[in-house]
Amino acid sequence: MIIVDKPSEDADPAQLARFARRAKKLVGIPGEVAVLITENKKLRELNRQFRRKDKPTDVLSFPRPDGGDIAISSEIAQQSAARYGHSLTDELKILILHGMLHLAGYDHENDEGQMATQEAALRKKLKLPTSLIDRVTPASHTGKPSRRS
């Protein structure tokens, strides 16, 4: 389920919902996943409440035994799409995939590159541009991805 708090002509909720279902299946998440696409203010509130970080972030994931929830900042997604030269839809798909991997238990802040490896493989399979982890990890990276947010 995709919930768009701040609609955009550049992103089709039905297309994003189809993508989310495919990503969920590829990642192996049971149950239902809801994706909220909203503004920075809401992501800042959620980030402050659940991660004790008083700033907006691009994507947050909230796992449950039967699926989970993903929250995405439409504003940060717009900025990143422009910065990296691809569509808003592609950027939202990148963020959905990243969130799905977190729901599946991956954690790029504490693993030894497993999430980056999985995300790169799925990104290639799903024909997506550069992944979120690739953008924040130095090219010479050989161990743990650098921290985001």
Protein backbone atom coordinates (compact mmCIF):
# COMPACT_ATOMS: atom_id res chain seq x y z
CA MET A 1 0.00 0.00 0.00
CA ILE A 2 1.33 3.43 -0.97
CA ILE A 3 0.06 6.49 0.89
CA VAL A 4 1.02 9.79 -0.71
CA ASP A 5 0.63 12.70 1.69
CA LYS A 6 2.04 15.17 -0.80
CA PRO A 7 0.99 14.18 -4.34
CA SER A 8 3.30 14.88 -7.27
CA GLU A 9 2.61 14.70 -10.98
CA ASP A 10 6.04 13.10 -11.35
CA ALA A 11 5.22 9.99 -9.31
CA ASP A 12 2.43 7.52 -10.00
CA PRO A 13 1.19 5.83 -6.79
CA ALA A 14 -0.10 2.80 -8.73
CA GLN A 15 3.29 2.26 -10.37
CA LEU A 16 5.03 2.65 -6.99
CA ALA A 17 2.62 0.15 -5.42
CA ARG A 18 3.43 -2.42 -8.14
CA PHE A 19 7.13 -1.82 -7.56
CA ALA A 20 6.76 -2.14 -3.78
CA ARG A 21 4.98 -5.49 -4.17
CA ARG A 22 7.76 -6.78 -6.44
CA ALA A 23 10.54 -5.50 -4.13
CA LYS A 24 8.79 -7.00 -1.09
CA LYS A 25 8.64 -10.38 -2.80
CA LEU A 26 12.28 -10.26 -3.97
CA VAL A 27 13.50 -9.27 -0.50
CA GLY A 28 11.32 -11.96 1.11
CA ILE A 29 9.22 -9.91 3.49
CA PRO A 30 6.09 -11.67 4.78
CA GLY A 31 2.83 -9.86 5.46
CA GLU A 32 1.88 -6.34 4.49
CA VAL A 33 4.08 -3.29 3.96
CA ALA A 34 2.72 0.26 3.94
CA VAL A 35 4.76 3.06 2.37
CA LEU A 36 4.08 6.66 3.39
CA ILE A 37 5.44 9.38 1.10
CA THR A 38 5.26 12.63 3.01
CA GLU A 39 7.04 15.89 3.77
CA ASN A 40 10.25 16.61 5.69
CA LYS A 41 8.32 17.79 8.74
CA LYS A 42 6.79 14.34 9.27
CA LEU A 43 10.10 12.52 8.66
CA ARG A 44 11.80 14.84 11.14
CA GLU A 45 9.15 14.03 13.77
CA LEU A 46 9.51 10.29 13.18
CA ASN A 47 13.31 10.46 13.15
CA ARG A 48 13.31 12.43 16.40
CA GLN A 49 10.81 10.08 18.06
CA PHE A 50 12.32 6.76 17.01
CA ARG A 51 16.01 7.48 16.38
CA ARG A 52 16.59 10.53 18.59
CA LYS A 53 17.85 12.51 15.57
CA ASP A 54 16.25 15.92 15.24
CA LYS A 55 16.40 16.27 11.46
CA PRO A 56 14.53 14.96 8.45
CA THR A 57 15.90 11.93 6.65
CA ASP A 58 15.16 10.33 3.30
CA VAL A 59 13.72 6.99 4.45
CA LEU A 60 12.78 5.27 7.70
CA SER A 61 11.70 1.66 8.18
CA PHE A 62 9.61 0.17 10.97
CA PRO A 63 9.71 -3.65 10.90
CA ARG A 64 6.95 -5.87 12.29
CA PRO A 65 6.82 -9.67 12.42
CA ASP A 66 4.18 -9.55 9.66
CA GLY A 67 5.69 -6.88 7.38
CA GLY A 68 6.34 -3.28 8.29
CA ASP A 69 6.06 0.38 7.44
CA ILE A 70 8.30 2.67 5.42
CA ALA A 71 8.24 6.48 5.54
CA ILE A 72 9.86 8.51 2.75
CA SER A 73 10.48 12.26 2.46
CA SER A 74 9.10 13.48 -0.86
CA GLU A 75 11.20 16.64 -0.54
CA ILE A 76 14.49 14.81 -0.08
CA ALA A 77 13.51 12.39 -2.85
CA GLN A 78 12.90 15.35 -5.22
CA GLN A 79 16.29 16.87 -4.34
CA SER A 80 18.13 13.57 -4.78
CA ALA A 81 16.44 12.84 -8.11
CA ALA A 82 17.56 16.24 -9.41
CA ARG A 83 21.08 15.83 -7.97
CA TYR A 84 21.60 12.36 -9.46
CA GLY A 85 19.86 13.05 -12.77
CA HIS A 86 17.02 10.55 -12.69
CA SER A 87 13.26 10.70 -12.25
CA LEU A 88 11.41 11.17 -8.98
CA THR A 89 9.78 7.78 -9.58
CA ASP A 90 13.20 6.10 -9.80
CA GLU A 91 14.33 7.87 -6.63
CA LEU A 92 11.21 6.74 -4.76
CA LYS A 93 11.81 3.18 -5.97
CA ILE A 94 15.40 3.34 -4.69
CA LEU A 95 14.11 4.49 -1.31
CA ILE A 96 11.38 1.83 -1.24
CA LEU A 97 13.95 -0.89 -2.00
CA HIS A 98 16.29 0.46 0.68
CA GLY A 99 13.44 0.51 3.20
CA MET A 100 12.43 -3.04 2.27
CA LEU A 101 15.95 -4.28 2.95
CA HIS A 102 15.82 -2.67 6.40
CA LEU A 103 12.47 -4.38 7.03
CA ALA A 104 14.16 -7.68 6.15
CA GLY A 105 16.74 -7.06 8.87
CA TYR A 106 19.63 -5.57 6.92
CA ASP A 107 21.51 -2.68 8.57
CA HIS A 108 24.21 -0.94 6.54
CA GLU A 109 25.27 1.05 9.61
CA ASN A 110 26.33 -2.10 11.47
CA ASP A 111 26.98 -4.84 8.91
CA GLU A 112 30.08 -5.69 6.92
CA GLY A 113 28.65 -4.69 3.55
CA GLN A 114 25.93 -7.35 3.27
CA MET A 115 23.16 -4.81 2.76
CA ALA A 116 25.19 -2.93 0.12
CA THR A 117 25.81 -6.19 -1.74
CA GLN A 118 22.15 -7.21 -1.62
CA GLU A 119 20.95 -3.74 -2.60
CA ALA A 120 23.33 -3.61 -5.58
CA ALA A 121 22.16 -7.00 -6.84
CA LEU A 122 18.47 -6.10 -6.49
CA ARG A 123 18.99 -2.65 -8.00
CA LYS A 124 20.54 -4.29 -11.05
CA LYS A 125 17.73 -6.83 -11.29
CA LEU A 126 15.11 -4.07 -10.97
CA LYS A 127 16.98 -1.80 -13.43
CA LEU A 128 17.38 1.06 -10.95
CA PRO A 129 20.07 3.75 -10.95
CA THR A 130 22.79 4.00 -8.31
CA SER A 131 21.68 2.72 -4.93
CA LEU A 132 21.40 4.76 -1.78
CA ILE A 133 24.31 3.02 -0.08
CA ASP A 134 26.54 3.46 -3.17
CA ARG A 135 25.97 7.21 -3.03
CA VAL A 136 27.17 7.56 0.56
CA THR A 137 29.96 4.99 0.54
CA PRO A 138 33.42 6.00 -0.72
CA ALA A 139 34.61 4.24 -3.88
CA SER A 140 37.55 2.80 -1.97
CA HIS A 141 35.20 1.22 0.58
CA THR A 142 36.26 -2.24 1.66
CA GLY A 143 34.44 -2.66 4.94
CA LYS A 144 31.51 -1.09 6.67
CA PRO A 145 29.37 1.48 4.80
CA SER A 146 29.61 5.01 6.16
CA ARG A 147 26.79 6.32 8.37
CA ARG A 148 23.86 8.15 6.85
CA SER A 149 21.41 10.49 8.51
